[in-house]
Amino acid sequence: GSNASWMSQNMLISGLVILAFLALH
């Protein structure tokens, strides 16, 4: 029942994937 969403708890993970995508781009 925590108010913290998956996005807020995993911003670093999604950020790392986006960083890898930027490298590909």
mmCIF file of all heavy atoms, coordinates in Angstrom:
data_MODEL
# 
_entry.id   MODEL 
# 
loop_
_atom_site.group_PDB 
_atom_site.id 
_atom_site.type_symbol 
_atom_site.label_atom_id 
_atom_site.label_alt_id 
_atom_site.label_comp_id 
_atom_site.label_asym_id 
_atom_site.label_entity_id 
_atom_site.label_seq_id 
_atom_site.pdbx_PDB_ins_code 
_atom_site.Cartn_x 
_atom_site.Cartn_y 
_atom_site.Cartn_z 
_atom_site.occupancy 
_atom_site.B_iso_or_equiv 
_atom_site.pdbx_formal_charge 
_atom_site.auth_seq_id 
_atom_site.auth_comp_id 
_atom_site.auth_asym_id 
_atom_site.auth_atom_id 
_atom_site.pdbx_PDB_model_num 
ATOM 1   N N   . GLY A 1 1  ? 0.792  -1.218 0.000   1.00 0.00 ? 1  GLY A N   1 
ATOM 2   C CA  . GLY A 1 1  ? 0.000  0.000  0.000   1.00 0.00 ? 1  GLY A CA  1 
ATOM 3   C C   . GLY A 1 1  ? 0.819  1.259  0.000   1.00 0.00 ? 1  GLY A C   1 
ATOM 4   O O   . GLY A 1 1  ? 0.318  2.350  0.236   1.00 0.00 ? 1  GLY A O   1 
ATOM 5   N N   . SER A 1 2  ? 2.107  1.141  -0.225  1.00 0.00 ? 2  SER A N   1 
ATOM 6   C CA  . SER A 1 2  ? 2.958  2.322  -0.256  1.00 0.00 ? 2  SER A CA  1 
ATOM 7   C C   . SER A 1 2  ? 2.534  3.234  -1.392  1.00 0.00 ? 2  SER A C   1 
ATOM 8   O O   . SER A 1 2  ? 2.122  2.798  -2.457  1.00 0.00 ? 2  SER A O   1 
ATOM 9   C CB  . SER A 1 2  ? 4.426  1.906  -0.443  1.00 0.00 ? 2  SER A CB  1 
ATOM 10  O OG  . SER A 1 2  ? 5.222  3.032  -0.666  1.00 0.00 ? 2  SER A OG  1 
ATOM 11  N N   . ASN A 1 3  ? 2.643  4.547  -1.170  1.00 0.00 ? 3  ASN A N   1 
ATOM 12  C CA  . ASN A 1 3  ? 2.279  5.514  -2.194  1.00 0.00 ? 3  ASN A CA  1 
ATOM 13  C C   . ASN A 1 3  ? 3.360  5.657  -3.255  1.00 0.00 ? 3  ASN A C   1 
ATOM 14  O O   . ASN A 1 3  ? 3.138  6.291  -4.273  1.00 0.00 ? 3  ASN A O   1 
ATOM 15  C CB  . ASN A 1 3  ? 2.014  6.879  -1.549  1.00 0.00 ? 3  ASN A CB  1 
ATOM 16  C CG  . ASN A 1 3  ? 0.756  6.871  -0.703  1.00 0.00 ? 3  ASN A CG  1 
ATOM 17  O OD1 . ASN A 1 3  ? -0.210 6.188  -1.032  1.00 0.00 ? 3  ASN A OD1 1 
ATOM 18  N ND2 . ASN A 1 3  ? 0.765  7.620  0.387   1.00 0.00 ? 3  ASN A ND2 1 
ATOM 19  N N   . ALA A 1 4  ? 4.541  5.108  -3.000  1.00 0.00 ? 4  ALA A N   1 
ATOM 20  C CA  . ALA A 1 4  ? 5.638  5.221  -3.961  1.00 0.00 ? 4  ALA A CA  1 
ATOM 21  C C   . ALA A 1 4  ? 5.365  4.335  -5.168  1.00 0.00 ? 4  ALA A C   1 
ATOM 22  O O   . ALA A 1 4  ? 5.107  3.143  -5.032  1.00 0.00 ? 4  ALA A O   1 
ATOM 23  C CB  . ALA A 1 4  ? 6.960  4.826  -3.297  1.00 0.00 ? 4  ALA A CB  1 
ATOM 24  N N   . SER A 1 5  ? 5.398  4.910  -6.357  1.00 0.00 ? 5  SER A N   1 
ATOM 25  C CA  . SER A 1 5  ? 5.136  4.151  -7.572  1.00 0.00 ? 5  SER A CA  1 
ATOM 26  C C   . SER A 1 5  ? 6.386  3.403  -8.009  1.00 0.00 ? 5  SER A C   1 
ATOM 27  O O   . SER A 1 5  ? 7.492  3.649  -7.530  1.00 0.00 ? 5  SER A O   1 
ATOM 28  C CB  . SER A 1 5  ? 4.692  5.109  -8.685  1.00 0.00 ? 5  SER A CB  1 
ATOM 29  O OG  . SER A 1 5  ? 5.745  5.998  -9.006  1.00 0.00 ? 5  SER A OG  1 
ATOM 30  N N   . TRP A 1 6  ? 6.187  2.473  -8.969  1.00 0.00 ? 6  TRP A N   1 
ATOM 31  C CA  . TRP A 1 6  ? 7.331  1.747  -9.514  1.00 0.00 ? 6  TRP A CA  1 
ATOM 32  C C   . TRP A 1 6  ? 8.300  2.733  -10.143 1.00 0.00 ? 6  TRP A C   1 
ATOM 33  O O   . TRP A 1 6  ? 9.511  2.586  -10.018 1.00 0.00 ? 6  TRP A O   1 
ATOM 34  C CB  . TRP A 1 6  ? 6.854  0.741  -10.556 1.00 0.00 ? 6  TRP A CB  1 
ATOM 35  C CG  . TRP A 1 6  ? 7.977  -0.098 -11.100 1.00 0.00 ? 6  TRP A CG  1 
ATOM 36  C CD1 . TRP A 1 6  ? 8.403  -1.300 -10.652 1.00 0.00 ? 6  TRP A CD1 1 
ATOM 37  C CD2 . TRP A 1 6  ? 8.843  0.240  -12.205 1.00 0.00 ? 6  TRP A CD2 1 
ATOM 38  N NE1 . TRP A 1 6  ? 9.472  -1.738 -11.399 1.00 0.00 ? 6  TRP A NE1 1 
ATOM 39  C CE2 . TRP A 1 6  ? 9.761  -0.826 -12.349 1.00 0.00 ? 6  TRP A CE2 1 
ATOM 40  C CE3 . TRP A 1 6  ? 8.928  1.333  -13.070 1.00 0.00 ? 6  TRP A CE3 1 
ATOM 41  C CZ2 . TRP A 1 6  ? 10.743 -0.831 -13.340 1.00 0.00 ? 6  TRP A CZ2 1 
ATOM 42  C CZ3 . TRP A 1 6  ? 9.914  1.331  -14.052 1.00 0.00 ? 6  TRP A CZ3 1 
ATOM 43  C CH2 . TRP A 1 6  ? 10.809 0.255  -14.185 1.00 0.00 ? 6  TRP A CH2 1 
ATOM 44  N N   . MET A 1 7  ? 7.766  3.765  -10.833 1.00 0.00 ? 7  MET A N   1 
ATOM 45  C CA  . MET A 1 7  ? 8.634  4.719  -11.505 1.00 0.00 ? 7  MET A CA  1 
ATOM 46  C C   . MET A 1 7  ? 9.518  5.458  -10.521 1.00 0.00 ? 7  MET A C   1 
ATOM 47  O O   . MET A 1 7  ? 10.716 5.622  -10.742 1.00 0.00 ? 7  MET A O   1 
ATOM 48  C CB  . MET A 1 7  ? 7.800  5.731  -12.304 1.00 0.00 ? 7  MET A CB  1 
ATOM 49  C CG  . MET A 1 7  ? 7.131  5.143  -13.537 1.00 0.00 ? 7  MET A CG  1 
ATOM 50  S SD  . MET A 1 7  ? 5.588  4.297  -13.147 1.00 0.00 ? 7  MET A SD  1 
ATOM 51  C CE  . MET A 1 7  ? 4.499  5.714  -12.904 1.00 0.00 ? 7  MET A CE  1 
ATOM 52  N N   . SER A 1 8  ? 8.916  5.904  -9.403  1.00 0.00 ? 8  SER A N   1 
ATOM 53  C CA  . SER A 1 8  ? 9.693  6.681  -8.445  1.00 0.00 ? 8  SER A CA  1 
ATOM 54  C C   . SER A 1 8  ? 10.757 5.841  -7.760  1.00 0.00 ? 8  SER A C   1 
ATOM 55  O O   . SER A 1 8  ? 11.800 6.345  -7.359  1.00 0.00 ? 8  SER A O   1 
ATOM 56  C CB  . SER A 1 8  ? 8.760  7.306  -7.401  1.00 0.00 ? 8  SER A CB  1 
ATOM 57  O OG  . SER A 1 8  ? 8.109  6.297  -6.648  1.00 0.00 ? 8  SER A OG  1 
ATOM 58  N N   . GLN A 1 9  ? 10.503 4.533  -7.609  1.00 0.00 ? 9  GLN A N   1 
ATOM 59  C CA  . GLN A 1 9  ? 11.458 3.649  -6.941  1.00 0.00 ? 9  GLN A CA  1 
ATOM 60  C C   . GLN A 1 9  ? 12.557 3.147  -7.868  1.00 0.00 ? 9  GLN A C   1 
ATOM 61  O O   . GLN A 1 9  ? 13.564 2.624  -7.402  1.00 0.00 ? 9  GLN A O   1 
ATOM 62  C CB  . GLN A 1 9  ? 10.717 2.444  -6.346  1.00 0.00 ? 9  GLN A CB  1 
ATOM 63  C CG  . GLN A 1 9  ? 9.741  2.803  -5.234  1.00 0.00 ? 9  GLN A CG  1 
ATOM 64  C CD  . GLN A 1 9  ? 8.975  1.596  -4.729  1.00 0.00 ? 9  GLN A CD  1 
ATOM 65  O OE1 . GLN A 1 9  ? 9.271  0.464  -5.101  1.00 0.00 ? 9  GLN A OE1 1 
ATOM 66  N NE2 . GLN A 1 9  ? 7.980  1.829  -3.890  1.00 0.00 ? 9  GLN A NE2 1 
ATOM 67  N N   . ASN A 1 10 ? 12.353 3.288  -9.171  1.00 0.00 ? 10 ASN A N   1 
ATOM 68  C CA  . ASN A 1 10 ? 13.310 2.715  -10.126 1.00 0.00 ? 10 ASN A CA  1 
ATOM 69  C C   . ASN A 1 10 ? 13.775 3.729  -11.169 1.00 0.00 ? 10 ASN A C   1 
ATOM 70  O O   . ASN A 1 10 ? 14.079 3.362  -12.301 1.00 0.00 ? 10 ASN A O   1 
ATOM 71  C CB  . ASN A 1 10 ? 12.668 1.508  -10.837 1.00 0.00 ? 10 ASN A CB  1 
ATOM 72  C CG  . ASN A 1 10 ? 12.373 0.370  -9.886  1.00 0.00 ? 10 ASN A CG  1 
ATOM 73  O OD1 . ASN A 1 10 ? 13.237 -0.446 -9.560  1.00 0.00 ? 10 ASN A OD1 1 
ATOM 74  N ND2 . ASN A 1 10 ? 11.126 0.301  -9.424  1.00 0.00 ? 10 ASN A ND2 1 
ATOM 75  N N   . MET A 1 11 ? 13.851 4.993  -10.759 1.00 0.00 ? 11 MET A N   1 
ATOM 76  C CA  . MET A 1 11 ? 14.310 6.026  -11.684 1.00 0.00 ? 11 MET A CA  1 
ATOM 77  C C   . MET A 1 11 ? 15.744 5.779  -12.133 1.00 0.00 ? 11 MET A C   1 
ATOM 78  O O   . MET A 1 11 ? 16.110 6.052  -13.284 1.00 0.00 ? 11 MET A O   1 
ATOM 79  C CB  . MET A 1 11 ? 14.197 7.397  -11.026 1.00 0.00 ? 11 MET A CB  1 
ATOM 80  C CG  . MET A 1 11 ? 12.770 7.874  -10.832 1.00 0.00 ? 11 MET A CG  1 
ATOM 81  S SD  . MET A 1 11 ? 11.928 8.187  -12.401 1.00 0.00 ? 11 MET A SD  1 
ATOM 82  C CE  . MET A 1 11 ? 12.658 9.767  -12.852 1.00 0.00 ? 11 MET A CE  1 
ATOM 83  N N   . LEU A 1 12 ? 16.584 5.256  -11.242 1.00 0.00 ? 12 LEU A N   1 
ATOM 84  C CA  . LEU A 1 12 ? 17.979 5.002  -11.597 1.00 0.00 ? 12 LEU A CA  1 
ATOM 85  C C   . LEU A 1 12 ? 18.073 3.909  -12.658 1.00 0.00 ? 12 LEU A C   1 
ATOM 86  O O   . LEU A 1 12 ? 18.862 4.008  -13.604 1.00 0.00 ? 12 LEU A O   1 
ATOM 87  C CB  . LEU A 1 12 ? 18.777 4.612  -10.354 1.00 0.00 ? 12 LEU A CB  1 
ATOM 88  C CG  . LEU A 1 12 ? 20.283 4.408  -10.568 1.00 0.00 ? 12 LEU A CG  1 
ATOM 89  C CD1 . LEU A 1 12 ? 20.931 5.700  -11.052 1.00 0.00 ? 12 LEU A CD1 1 
ATOM 90  C CD2 . LEU A 1 12 ? 20.952 3.943  -9.284  1.00 0.00 ? 12 LEU A CD2 1 
ATOM 91  N N   . ILE A 1 13 ? 17.260 2.850  -12.510 1.00 0.00 ? 13 ILE A N   1 
ATOM 92  C CA  . ILE A 1 13 ? 17.288 1.750  -13.474 1.00 0.00 ? 13 ILE A CA  1 
ATOM 93  C C   . ILE A 1 13 ? 16.842 2.226  -14.849 1.00 0.00 ? 13 ILE A C   1 
ATOM 94  O O   . ILE A 1 13 ? 17.515 1.984  -15.858 1.00 0.00 ? 13 ILE A O   1 
ATOM 95  C CB  . ILE A 1 13 ? 16.397 0.589  -12.995 1.00 0.00 ? 13 ILE A CB  1 
ATOM 96  C CG1 . ILE A 1 13 ? 16.950 -0.008 -11.701 1.00 0.00 ? 13 ILE A CG1 1 
ATOM 97  C CG2 . ILE A 1 13 ? 16.282 -0.486 -14.073 1.00 0.00 ? 13 ILE A CG2 1 
ATOM 98  C CD1 . ILE A 1 13 ? 16.063 -1.070 -11.082 1.00 0.00 ? 13 ILE A CD1 1 
ATOM 99  N N   . SER A 1 14 ? 15.700 2.907  -14.892 1.00 0.00 ? 14 SER A N   1 
ATOM 100 C CA  . SER A 1 14 ? 15.232 3.401  -16.180 1.00 0.00 ? 14 SER A CA  1 
ATOM 101 C C   . SER A 1 14 ? 16.208 4.425  -16.756 1.00 0.00 ? 14 SER A C   1 
ATOM 102 O O   . SER A 1 14 ? 16.430 4.480  -17.968 1.00 0.00 ? 14 SER A O   1 
ATOM 103 C CB  . SER A 1 14 ? 13.834 4.018  -16.036 1.00 0.00 ? 14 SER A CB  1 
ATOM 104 O OG  . SER A 1 14 ? 13.838 5.102  -15.123 1.00 0.00 ? 14 SER A OG  1 
ATOM 105 N N   . GLY A 1 15 ? 16.825 5.219  -15.877 1.00 0.00 ? 15 GLY A N   1 
ATOM 106 C CA  . GLY A 1 15 ? 17.809 6.190  -16.342 1.00 0.00 ? 15 GLY A CA  1 
ATOM 107 C C   . GLY A 1 15 ? 19.018 5.530  -16.973 1.00 0.00 ? 15 GLY A C   1 
ATOM 108 O O   . GLY A 1 15 ? 19.538 6.004  -17.988 1.00 0.00 ? 15 GLY A O   1 
ATOM 109 N N   . LEU A 1 16 ? 19.479 4.417  -16.393 1.00 0.00 ? 16 LEU A N   1 
ATOM 110 C CA  . LEU A 1 16 ? 20.622 3.703  -16.956 1.00 0.00 ? 16 LEU A CA  1 
ATOM 111 C C   . LEU A 1 16 ? 20.292 3.119  -18.326 1.00 0.00 ? 16 LEU A C   1 
ATOM 112 O O   . LEU A 1 16 ? 21.122 3.148  -19.243 1.00 0.00 ? 16 LEU A O   1 
ATOM 113 C CB  . LEU A 1 16 ? 21.055 2.586  -15.998 1.00 0.00 ? 16 LEU A CB  1 
ATOM 114 C CG  . LEU A 1 16 ? 21.805 3.036  -14.739 1.00 0.00 ? 16 LEU A CG  1 
ATOM 115 C CD1 . LEU A 1 16 ? 21.973 1.866  -13.781 1.00 0.00 ? 16 LEU A CD1 1 
ATOM 116 C CD2 . LEU A 1 16 ? 23.164 3.622  -15.094 1.00 0.00 ? 16 LEU A CD2 1 
ATOM 117 N N   . VAL A 1 17 ? 19.076 2.581  -18.467 1.00 0.00 ? 17 VAL A N   1 
ATOM 118 C CA  . VAL A 1 17 ? 18.675 2.042  -19.767 1.00 0.00 ? 17 VAL A CA  1 
ATOM 119 C C   . VAL A 1 17 ? 18.588 3.158  -20.805 1.00 0.00 ? 17 VAL A C   1 
ATOM 120 O O   . VAL A 1 17 ? 19.030 2.999  -21.953 1.00 0.00 ? 17 VAL A O   1 
ATOM 121 C CB  . VAL A 1 17 ? 17.322 1.304  -19.653 1.00 0.00 ? 17 VAL A CB  1 
ATOM 122 C CG1 . VAL A 1 17 ? 16.849 0.843  -21.031 1.00 0.00 ? 17 VAL A CG1 1 
ATOM 123 C CG2 . VAL A 1 17 ? 17.444 0.113  -18.713 1.00 0.00 ? 17 VAL A CG2 1 
ATOM 124 N N   . ILE A 1 18 ? 18.038 4.300  -20.412 1.00 0.00 ? 18 ILE A N   1 
ATOM 125 C CA  . ILE A 1 18 ? 17.946 5.435  -21.322 1.00 0.00 ? 18 ILE A CA  1 
ATOM 126 C C   . ILE A 1 18 ? 19.341 5.931  -21.698 1.00 0.00 ? 18 ILE A C   1 
ATOM 127 O O   . ILE A 1 18 ? 19.602 6.307  -22.842 1.00 0.00 ? 18 ILE A O   1 
ATOM 128 C CB  . ILE A 1 18 ? 17.118 6.568  -20.690 1.00 0.00 ? 18 ILE A CB  1 
ATOM 129 C CG1 . ILE A 1 18 ? 15.671 6.109  -20.504 1.00 0.00 ? 18 ILE A CG1 1 
ATOM 130 C CG2 . ILE A 1 18 ? 17.162 7.823  -21.564 1.00 0.00 ? 18 ILE A CG2 1 
ATOM 131 C CD1 . ILE A 1 18 ? 14.860 7.021  -19.613 1.00 0.00 ? 18 ILE A CD1 1 
ATOM 132 N N   . LEU A 1 19 ? 20.267 5.905  -20.728 1.00 0.00 ? 19 LEU A N   1 
ATOM 133 C CA  . LEU A 1 19 ? 21.641 6.305  -21.017 1.00 0.00 ? 19 LEU A CA  1 
ATOM 134 C C   . LEU A 1 19 ? 22.271 5.365  -22.043 1.00 0.00 ? 19 LEU A C   1 
ATOM 135 O O   . LEU A 1 19 ? 22.969 5.812  -22.966 1.00 0.00 ? 19 LEU A O   1 
ATOM 136 C CB  . LEU A 1 19 ? 22.466 6.303  -19.724 1.00 0.00 ? 19 LEU A CB  1 
ATOM 137 C CG  . LEU A 1 19 ? 23.903 6.823  -19.829 1.00 0.00 ? 19 LEU A CG  1 
ATOM 138 C CD1 . LEU A 1 19 ? 23.917 8.271  -20.294 1.00 0.00 ? 19 LEU A CD1 1 
ATOM 139 C CD2 . LEU A 1 19 ? 24.610 6.689  -18.479 1.00 0.00 ? 19 LEU A CD2 1 
ATOM 140 N N   . ALA A 1 20 ? 22.004 4.064  -21.902 1.00 0.00 ? 20 ALA A N   1 
ATOM 141 C CA  . ALA A 1 20 ? 22.507 3.096  -22.880 1.00 0.00 ? 20 ALA A CA  1 
ATOM 142 C C   . ALA A 1 20 ? 21.890 3.358  -24.256 1.00 0.00 ? 20 ALA A C   1 
ATOM 143 O O   . ALA A 1 20 ? 22.572 3.268  -25.290 1.00 0.00 ? 20 ALA A O   1 
ATOM 144 C CB  . ALA A 1 20 ? 22.180 1.675  -22.422 1.00 0.00 ? 20 ALA A CB  1 
ATOM 145 N N   . PHE A 1 21 ? 20.604 3.712  -24.263 1.00 0.00 ? 21 PHE A N   1 
ATOM 146 C CA  . PHE A 1 21 ? 19.953 4.042  -25.534 1.00 0.00 ? 21 PHE A CA  1 
ATOM 147 C C   . PHE A 1 21 ? 20.573 5.280  -26.170 1.00 0.00 ? 21 PHE A C   1 
ATOM 148 O O   . PHE A 1 21 ? 20.776 5.333  -27.386 1.00 0.00 ? 21 PHE A O   1 
ATOM 149 C CB  . PHE A 1 21 ? 18.456 4.270  -25.305 1.00 0.00 ? 21 PHE A CB  1 
ATOM 150 C CG  . PHE A 1 21 ? 17.804 5.045  -26.413 1.00 0.00 ? 21 PHE A CG  1 
ATOM 151 C CD1 . PHE A 1 21 ? 17.568 4.450  -27.641 1.00 0.00 ? 21 PHE A CD1 1 
ATOM 152 C CD2 . PHE A 1 21 ? 17.451 6.373  -26.238 1.00 0.00 ? 21 PHE A CD2 1 
ATOM 153 C CE1 . PHE A 1 21 ? 16.983 5.168  -28.676 1.00 0.00 ? 21 PHE A CE1 1 
ATOM 154 C CE2 . PHE A 1 21 ? 16.873 7.093  -27.253 1.00 0.00 ? 21 PHE A CE2 1 
ATOM 155 C CZ  . PHE A 1 21 ? 16.635 6.492  -28.483 1.00 0.00 ? 21 PHE A CZ  1 
ATOM 156 N N   . LEU A 1 22 ? 20.873 6.287  -25.346 1.00 0.00 ? 22 LEU A N   1 
ATOM 157 C CA  . LEU A 1 22 ? 21.500 7.501  -25.880 1.00 0.00 ? 22 LEU A CA  1 
ATOM 158 C C   . LEU A 1 22 ? 22.851 7.181  -26.508 1.00 0.00 ? 22 LEU A C   1 
ATOM 159 O O   . LEU A 1 22 ? 23.217 7.760  -27.537 1.00 0.00 ? 22 LEU A O   1 
ATOM 160 C CB  . LEU A 1 22 ? 21.663 8.535  -24.771 1.00 0.00 ? 22 LEU A CB  1 
ATOM 161 C CG  . LEU A 1 22 ? 20.388 9.260  -24.336 1.00 0.00 ? 22 LEU A CG  1 
ATOM 162 C CD1 . LEU A 1 22 ? 20.671 10.151 -23.127 1.00 0.00 ? 22 LEU A CD1 1 
ATOM 163 C CD2 . LEU A 1 22 ? 19.811 10.084 -25.474 1.00 0.00 ? 22 LEU A CD2 1 
ATOM 164 N N   . ALA A 1 23 ? 23.579 6.253  -25.887 1.00 0.00 ? 23 ALA A N   1 
ATOM 165 C CA  . ALA A 1 23 ? 24.857 5.840  -26.464 1.00 0.00 ? 23 ALA A CA  1 
ATOM 166 C C   . ALA A 1 23 ? 24.630 5.213  -27.847 1.00 0.00 ? 23 ALA A C   1 
ATOM 167 O O   . ALA A 1 23 ? 25.358 5.505  -28.809 1.00 0.00 ? 23 ALA A O   1 
ATOM 168 C CB  . ALA A 1 23 ? 25.558 4.852  -25.544 1.00 0.00 ? 23 ALA A CB  1 
ATOM 169 N N   . LEU A 1 24 ? 23.593 4.358  -27.953 1.00 0.00 ? 24 LEU A N   1 
ATOM 170 C CA  . LEU A 1 24 ? 23.260 3.751  -29.245 1.00 0.00 ? 24 LEU A CA  1 
ATOM 171 C C   . LEU A 1 24 ? 22.841 4.826  -30.252 1.00 0.00 ? 24 LEU A C   1 
ATOM 172 O O   . LEU A 1 24 ? 23.244 4.791  -31.423 1.00 0.00 ? 24 LEU A O   1 
ATOM 173 C CB  . LEU A 1 24 ? 22.117 2.744  -29.061 1.00 0.00 ? 24 LEU A CB  1 
ATOM 174 C CG  . LEU A 1 24 ? 21.521 2.143  -30.353 1.00 0.00 ? 24 LEU A CG  1 
ATOM 175 C CD1 . LEU A 1 24 ? 22.570 1.341  -31.103 1.00 0.00 ? 24 LEU A CD1 1 
ATOM 176 C CD2 . LEU A 1 24 ? 20.308 1.276  -30.022 1.00 0.00 ? 24 LEU A CD2 1 
ATOM 177 N N   . HIS A 1 25 ? 22.061 5.788  -29.792 1.00 0.00 ? 25 HIS A N   1 
ATOM 178 C CA  . HIS A 1 25 ? 21.594 6.858  -30.669 1.00 0.00 ? 25 HIS A CA  1 
ATOM 179 C C   . HIS A 1 25 ? 22.771 7.702  -31.173 1.00 0.00 ? 25 HIS A C   1 
ATOM 180 O O   . HIS A 1 25 ? 22.798 8.098  -32.342 1.00 0.00 ? 25 HIS A O   1 
ATOM 181 C CB  . HIS A 1 25 ? 20.607 7.734  -29.905 1.00 0.00 ? 25 HIS A CB  1 
ATOM 182 C CG  . HIS A 1 25 ? 19.802 8.640  -30.782 1.00 0.00 ? 25 HIS A CG  1 
ATOM 183 N ND1 . HIS A 1 25 ? 18.916 8.183  -31.730 1.00 0.00 ? 25 HIS A ND1 1 
ATOM 184 C CD2 . HIS A 1 25 ? 19.754 10.002 -30.865 1.00 0.00 ? 25 HIS A CD2 1 
ATOM 185 C CE1 . HIS A 1 25 ? 18.350 9.200  -32.348 1.00 0.00 ? 25 HIS A CE1 1 
ATOM 186 N NE2 . HIS A 1 25 ? 18.845 10.322 -31.847 1.00 0.00 ? 25 HIS A NE2 1 
# 
